[in-house]
Amino acid sequence: MVTTPFEAYRSFIPDFEAFSQSLLEPLPMYIRINRLKCLREERVINGLAQKGVHLRSVTEIPDFYEISPWGFPIGTTEEYYLGYIYPQTINSALPVLALNPQPGETILDLCAAPGSKTSYIAQRTEDRTLIVANDKRIDRLTALVSNLKRLGITGVVTTQYRGEMFPMGPPFDKVLVDAPCSGEGRYRITKEGEVLYRKETRTDLPAIQKGLLLRAFDLVKTGGIVVYSTCTFNPLENEAVVDYLLNRRPAEILKMDYPLPSHPGLKEFNGRVFDSRISHCARFYPHETHSVGFFIATIRRLSGSG
């Protein structure tokens, strides 16, 4: 039997034994082909094949490929430096699909660095939308700007604020909050028991996440969309945060169709009952998606005072 720190989640993680067993496998590696620079994927496929790298197309999400062998230093390749590819897990593409960005919109990525979702938003809109990419840390912003330049993206303005204190102004059409979290969805261990990805144990994360989501909601226009996502299983960082918003703002949760297997948001956890609308959120588990664990809530701002 595999021992993991997630025994408290046994009641809601489907097929818990298969889930636990999946944590013994290395986290699959994926790349996204950057269509803003590379119009023919054969150029990437053939170029990487010459380096001994095999690509398997992810049929559910266009432009994503799983790479092997595992651990190959993809960031040292010519294809990476030319901006043809970006390393990105497939589940982290899902918040952008939920956001459904369109050319001409104004979009805020509140916790943007190092830029995987910002750049994917730009790619999905053919770099024809105004994206404000915010992060509170200058070192992470530096990495974001470097990635955007490498990928040939021009429609992004960067800002440095604490997300929960981002200044009010003209409302955005859409806001993405890929919140800092405990990172449980990335947890992996070797068969010898060595932990490859550790979960963050900070106790202040739910309070930070609630502040970020409230601010994001206040920054979006009436009828606009906020997508809240994490890569953790913890209901206190997921359903409880969205429940907090629903009790304080005029909002609805949209039920989305995703290209990967998902489960509804939890109705309750440890005796705490959540708003029934939470069931429209989505949970993704690593043994079912072959990627990191994820949580997504797609929220529409309704008219009315906050």
Protein backbone atom coordinates (compact mmCIF):
# COMPACT_ATOMS: atom_id res chain seq x y z
CA MET A 1 0.00 0.00 0.00
CA VAL A 2 1.23 3.49 -0.91
CA THR A 3 1.45 5.94 2.00
CA THR A 4 0.59 9.55 1.07
CA PRO A 5 -0.30 12.69 3.06
CA PHE A 6 -3.80 12.68 1.53
CA GLU A 7 -5.58 10.11 3.68
CA ALA A 8 -7.97 12.85 4.88
CA TYR A 9 -9.23 13.10 1.28
CA ARG A 10 -10.02 9.41 0.87
CA SER A 11 -13.76 10.10 1.17
CA PHE A 12 -13.93 12.24 -1.97
CA ILE A 13 -11.01 11.27 -4.23
CA PRO A 14 -12.37 8.61 -6.63
CA ASP A 15 -10.56 5.26 -6.67
CA PHE A 16 -8.22 6.36 -3.91
CA GLU A 17 -5.87 3.39 -4.33
CA ALA A 18 -5.34 4.16 -8.02
CA PHE A 19 -4.84 7.81 -7.11
CA SER A 20 -2.19 6.89 -4.51
CA GLN A 21 -0.46 4.55 -6.95
CA SER A 22 -0.28 7.31 -9.58
CA LEU A 23 1.82 9.41 -7.21
CA LEU A 24 4.64 6.88 -7.60
CA GLU A 25 4.97 7.77 -11.28
CA PRO A 26 6.99 10.80 -12.45
CA LEU A 27 4.86 13.81 -13.31
CA PRO A 28 4.36 13.61 -17.08
CA MET A 29 6.13 16.27 -19.13
CA TYR A 30 4.26 18.28 -21.75
CA ILE A 31 4.98 21.09 -24.17
CA ARG A 32 2.69 23.48 -25.99
CA ILE A 33 3.54 24.49 -29.55
CA ASN A 34 3.46 28.28 -29.80
CA ARG A 35 1.39 29.01 -32.91
CA LEU A 36 2.36 32.67 -32.80
CA LYS A 37 5.83 31.64 -33.98
CA CYS A 38 5.56 28.08 -35.24
CA LEU A 39 2.85 27.48 -37.84
CA ARG A 40 4.02 23.97 -38.77
CA GLU A 41 4.32 21.52 -35.89
CA GLU A 42 6.39 19.21 -38.07
CA ARG A 43 9.28 21.62 -37.61
CA VAL A 44 9.17 21.00 -33.84
CA ILE A 45 8.40 17.29 -34.08
CA ASN A 46 11.24 16.60 -36.52
CA GLY A 47 13.70 18.89 -34.76
CA LEU A 48 13.15 17.27 -31.38
CA ALA A 49 13.16 13.77 -32.91
CA GLN A 50 16.70 14.42 -34.11
CA LYS A 51 17.59 15.01 -30.44
CA GLY A 52 16.02 11.73 -29.37
CA VAL A 53 12.78 13.25 -28.08
CA HIS A 54 9.45 11.61 -28.90
CA LEU A 55 6.22 13.64 -28.93
CA ARG A 56 2.77 12.17 -28.35
CA SER A 57 -0.10 14.41 -29.40
CA VAL A 58 -2.69 15.23 -26.72
CA THR A 59 -5.79 14.82 -28.85
CA GLU A 60 -8.08 16.45 -26.26
CA ILE A 61 -6.19 19.78 -26.29
CA PRO A 62 -4.74 21.05 -29.59
CA ASP A 63 -1.06 22.05 -29.70
CA PHE A 64 -0.11 20.06 -26.57
CA TYR A 65 2.29 17.10 -26.68
CA GLU A 66 3.61 14.73 -24.05
CA ILE A 67 7.36 14.33 -24.33
CA SER A 68 9.64 11.40 -23.63
CA PRO A 69 12.09 10.37 -22.35
CA TRP A 70 11.09 11.78 -18.98
CA GLY A 71 13.51 14.35 -17.63
CA PHE A 72 14.82 15.50 -21.00
CA PRO A 73 16.13 19.09 -20.62
CA ILE A 74 13.67 20.62 -23.08
CA GLY A 75 14.69 24.13 -22.01
CA THR A 76 18.12 23.67 -23.60
CA THR A 77 16.83 23.03 -27.11
CA GLU A 78 16.86 25.32 -30.12
CA GLU A 79 13.08 24.96 -30.38
CA TYR A 80 12.72 26.36 -26.86
CA TYR A 81 15.07 29.30 -27.40
CA LEU A 82 13.36 30.23 -30.67
CA GLY A 83 10.02 30.40 -28.86
CA TYR A 84 8.43 27.54 -30.77
CA ILE A 85 7.50 25.64 -27.60
CA TYR A 86 6.56 26.27 -23.98
CA PRO A 87 6.71 23.58 -21.24
CA GLN A 88 3.21 23.42 -19.72
CA THR A 89 1.10 20.71 -18.09
CA ILE A 90 -2.18 19.95 -19.82
CA ASN A 91 -4.33 20.62 -16.75
CA SER A 92 -2.91 24.14 -16.50
CA ALA A 93 -4.38 24.83 -19.95
CA LEU A 94 -7.90 24.22 -18.64
CA PRO A 95 -8.36 27.55 -16.79
CA VAL A 96 -7.63 29.36 -20.05
CA LEU A 97 -10.16 27.21 -21.89
CA ALA A 98 -12.69 28.06 -19.15
CA LEU A 99 -11.87 31.76 -19.51
CA ASN A 100 -12.53 31.48 -23.26
CA PRO A 101 -10.58 34.65 -24.17
CA GLN A 102 -11.62 36.50 -27.30
CA PRO A 103 -9.77 39.05 -29.47
CA GLY A 104 -10.45 42.62 -28.39
CA GLU A 105 -11.19 41.83 -24.75
CA THR A 106 -9.30 43.29 -21.80
CA ILE A 107 -8.09 40.50 -19.54
CA LEU A 108 -6.30 40.55 -16.19
CA ASP A 109 -4.09 37.65 -15.14
CA LEU A 110 -3.83 38.49 -11.45
CA CYS A 111 -1.09 36.00 -10.47
CA ALA A 112 0.58 35.68 -13.85
CA ALA A 113 4.24 34.70 -13.47
CA PRO A 114 6.02 32.87 -14.95
CA GLY A 115 3.53 33.23 -17.79
CA SER A 116 2.19 29.87 -18.94
CA LYS A 117 -1.45 30.98 -18.83
CA THR A 118 -0.75 34.56 -19.92
CA SER A 119 1.03 33.28 -23.01
CA TYR A 120 -1.68 30.73 -23.72
CA ILE A 121 -4.33 33.46 -23.52
CA ALA A 122 -2.29 35.43 -26.06
CA GLN A 123 -1.98 32.39 -28.29
CA ARG A 124 -5.71 31.61 -28.12
CA THR A 125 -6.51 35.19 -29.19
CA GLU A 126 -3.73 35.43 -31.81
CA ASP A 127 -2.12 38.16 -29.66
CA ARG A 128 -5.08 40.43 -30.40
CA THR A 129 -6.29 41.15 -26.87
CA LEU A 130 -4.95 43.43 -24.14
CA ILE A 131 -3.65 41.33 -21.26
CA VAL A 132 -2.54 42.85 -17.96
CA ALA A 133 -0.16 40.35 -16.37
CA ASN A 134 0.34 41.03 -12.67
CA ASP A 135 2.61 39.49 -10.06
CA LYS A 136 3.81 40.79 -6.72
CA ARG A 137 7.42 39.58 -7.09
CA ILE A 138 9.85 41.36 -9.38
CA ASP A 139 11.97 38.23 -9.94
CA ARG A 140 8.92 36.33 -11.18
CA LEU A 141 7.90 39.26 -13.37
CA THR A 142 11.38 39.27 -14.88
CA ALA A 143 10.93 35.61 -15.82
CA LEU A 144 7.49 36.38 -17.26
CA VAL A 145 8.79 39.21 -19.45
CA SER A 146 11.61 36.98 -20.67
CA ASN A 147 9.14 34.26 -21.63
CA LEU A 148 6.84 36.70 -23.44
CA LYS A 149 9.73 38.07 -25.48
CA ARG A 150 10.91 34.59 -26.39
CA LEU A 151 7.39 33.64 -27.49
CA GLY A 152 6.95 36.80 -29.58
CA ILE A 153 3.98 38.14 -27.60
CA THR A 154 3.39 41.90 -27.68
CA GLY A 155 -0.12 42.51 -26.31
CA VAL A 156 0.78 42.27 -22.63
CA VAL A 157 1.26 44.99 -20.02
CA THR A 158 2.98 43.88 -16.80
CA THR A 159 2.25 45.27 -13.33
CA GLN A 160 3.64 44.60 -9.86
CA TYR A 161 1.01 44.65 -7.11
CA ARG A 162 -0.14 42.37 -4.36
CA GLY A 163 -3.07 40.76 -6.11
CA GLU A 164 -5.55 41.45 -3.31
CA MET A 165 -4.58 45.15 -3.51
CA PHE A 166 -4.63 45.55 -7.29
CA PRO A 167 -5.94 49.09 -7.92
CA MET A 168 -9.53 49.58 -9.00
CA GLY A 169 -10.12 51.17 -12.38
CA PRO A 170 -12.07 50.54 -15.58
CA PRO A 171 -13.44 47.00 -15.24
CA PHE A 172 -11.93 44.09 -17.11
CA ASP A 173 -13.92 41.79 -19.37
CA LYS A 174 -12.35 38.75 -17.72
CA VAL A 175 -9.98 38.00 -14.83
CA LEU A 176 -7.93 34.88 -14.22
CA VAL A 177 -6.87 34.02 -10.66
CA ASP A 178 -4.47 31.09 -10.73
CA ALA A 179 -3.95 31.43 -7.00
CA PRO A 180 -0.88 30.54 -4.97
CA CYS A 181 -1.71 27.29 -3.21
CA SER A 182 -0.33 24.32 -1.32
CA GLY A 183 0.53 22.61 -4.62
CA GLU A 184 -0.79 19.22 -3.54
CA GLY A 185 -1.67 18.38 -7.13
CA ARG A 186 2.03 18.25 -8.04
CA TYR A 187 2.95 15.87 -5.21
CA ARG A 188 4.99 12.85 -6.34
CA ILE A 189 7.14 10.28 -4.52
CA THR A 190 9.61 7.69 -5.74
CA LYS A 191 9.15 3.98 -5.08
CA GLU A 192 11.96 4.39 -2.54
CA GLY A 193 9.91 6.98 -0.66
CA GLU A 194 11.77 10.12 -1.76
CA VAL A 195 9.43 13.10 -2.15
CA LEU A 196 9.91 14.78 -5.54
CA TYR A 197 7.30 17.53 -5.14
CA ARG A 198 6.44 18.69 -1.63
CA LYS A 199 3.16 20.29 -0.63
CA GLU A 200 3.27 23.83 0.75
CA THR A 201 2.26 23.85 4.42
CA ARG A 202 1.53 27.55 4.96
CA THR A 203 -1.63 28.08 7.01
CA ASP A 204 -2.34 31.56 5.62
CA LEU A 205 -3.11 30.40 2.07
CA PRO A 206 -6.94 30.29 2.34
CA ALA A 207 -7.02 33.88 3.62
CA ILE A 208 -4.78 35.02 0.75
CA GLN A 209 -6.89 33.13 -1.78
CA LYS A 210 -10.11 34.67 -0.49
CA GLY A 211 -8.60 38.14 -0.78
CA LEU A 212 -7.45 37.46 -4.33
CA LEU A 213 -10.81 36.13 -5.46
CA LEU A 214 -12.77 39.02 -3.93
CA ARG A 215 -10.50 41.55 -5.58
CA ALA A 216 -10.70 39.76 -8.92
CA PHE A 217 -14.48 39.79 -8.74
CA ASP A 218 -14.55 43.50 -7.95
CA LEU A 219 -12.27 44.18 -10.91
CA VAL A 220 -14.48 42.49 -13.52
CA LYS A 221 -17.43 44.11 -15.25
CA THR A 222 -21.03 43.07 -14.66
CA GLY A 223 -21.58 40.01 -16.80
CA GLY A 224 -17.85 39.41 -16.92
CA ILE A 225 -16.05 36.19 -16.06
CA VAL A 226 -13.62 35.33 -13.29
CA VAL A 227 -11.83 31.98 -13.39
CA TYR A 228 -10.37 30.78 -10.09
CA SER A 229 -7.95 27.85 -10.19
CA THR A 230 -5.48 26.01 -7.99
CA CYS A 231 -3.32 22.91 -8.28
CA THR A 232 -4.38 21.51 -4.91
CA PHE A 233 -6.94 19.01 -3.60
CA ASN A 234 -7.60 20.85 -0.33
CA PRO A 235 -11.28 21.92 -0.09
CA LEU A 236 -10.27 24.78 2.22
CA GLU A 237 -8.35 26.30 -0.70
CA ASN A 238 -10.98 25.43 -3.29
CA GLU A 239 -14.67 25.06 -2.46
CA ALA A 240 -14.39 27.04 0.78
CA VAL A 241 -12.83 29.99 -1.06
CA VAL A 242 -15.55 30.04 -3.74
CA ASP A 243 -18.22 29.62 -1.03
CA TYR A 244 -16.76 32.68 0.71
CA LEU A 245 -17.24 34.72 -2.46
CA LEU A 246 -20.80 33.50 -3.04
CA ASN A 247 -21.77 34.66 0.44
CA ARG A 248 -20.47 38.18 -0.24
CA ARG A 249 -20.94 39.02 -3.91
CA PRO A 250 -23.68 38.64 -6.59
CA ALA A 251 -22.20 35.76 -8.54
CA GLU A 252 -23.08 32.52 -10.28
CA ILE A 253 -20.92 29.50 -10.99
CA LEU A 254 -21.00 28.32 -14.59
CA LYS A 255 -20.95 24.62 -15.30
CA MET A 256 -18.33 24.02 -17.96
CA ASP A 257 -17.53 21.16 -20.30
CA TYR A 258 -13.87 20.18 -20.19
CA PRO A 259 -11.88 17.97 -22.56
CA LEU A 260 -10.41 15.97 -19.64
CA PRO A 261 -12.18 13.86 -16.97
CA SER A 262 -13.51 15.94 -14.08
CA HIS A 263 -15.69 15.70 -10.97
CA PRO A 264 -18.10 18.25 -9.47
CA GLY A 265 -17.09 20.49 -6.61
CA LEU A 266 -17.71 19.02 -3.16
CA LYS A 267 -21.02 19.56 -1.39
CA GLU A 268 -19.41 19.39 2.05
CA PHE A 269 -16.14 18.70 3.83
CA ASN A 270 -15.53 17.80 7.46
CA GLY A 271 -19.08 18.73 8.40
CA ARG A 272 -19.04 22.08 6.59
CA VAL A 273 -21.78 22.35 3.96
CA PHE A 274 -21.04 24.51 0.92
CA ASP A 275 -23.40 26.52 -1.28
CA SER A 276 -25.14 24.11 -3.66
CA ARG A 277 -23.81 26.05 -6.66
CA ILE A 278 -20.31 24.84 -5.76
CA SER A 279 -21.15 21.59 -7.56
CA HIS A 280 -20.63 23.48 -10.83
CA CYS A 281 -16.91 23.77 -10.03
CA ALA A 282 -14.59 21.10 -11.40
CA ARG A 283 -11.99 18.85 -9.80
CA PHE A 284 -9.30 17.02 -11.77
CA TYR A 285 -7.26 14.12 -10.41
CA PRO A 286 -3.83 12.95 -11.62
CA HIS A 287 -4.71 9.27 -12.07
CA GLU A 288 -7.55 10.24 -14.43
CA THR A 289 -5.96 13.08 -16.43
CA HIS A 290 -2.31 11.93 -16.51
CA SER A 291 -1.29 15.35 -15.23
CA VAL A 292 -1.33 17.45 -12.05
CA GLY A 293 -4.34 17.69 -9.76
CA PHE A 294 -6.43 20.80 -10.39
CA PHE A 295 -9.52 22.75 -9.31
CA ILE A 296 -11.41 25.31 -11.43
CA ALA A 297 -14.36 27.60 -10.75
CA THR A 298 -15.80 29.69 -13.57
CA ILE A 299 -17.71 32.63 -12.08
CA ARG A 300 -19.95 35.23 -13.71
CA ARG A 301 -20.53 38.59 -12.05
CA LEU A 302 -24.22 39.38 -11.76
CA SER A 303 -25.74 42.84 -11.42
CA GLY A 304 -26.20 44.12 -7.89
CA SER A 305 -24.07 45.66 -5.18
CA GLY A 306 -21.11 43.75 -3.82
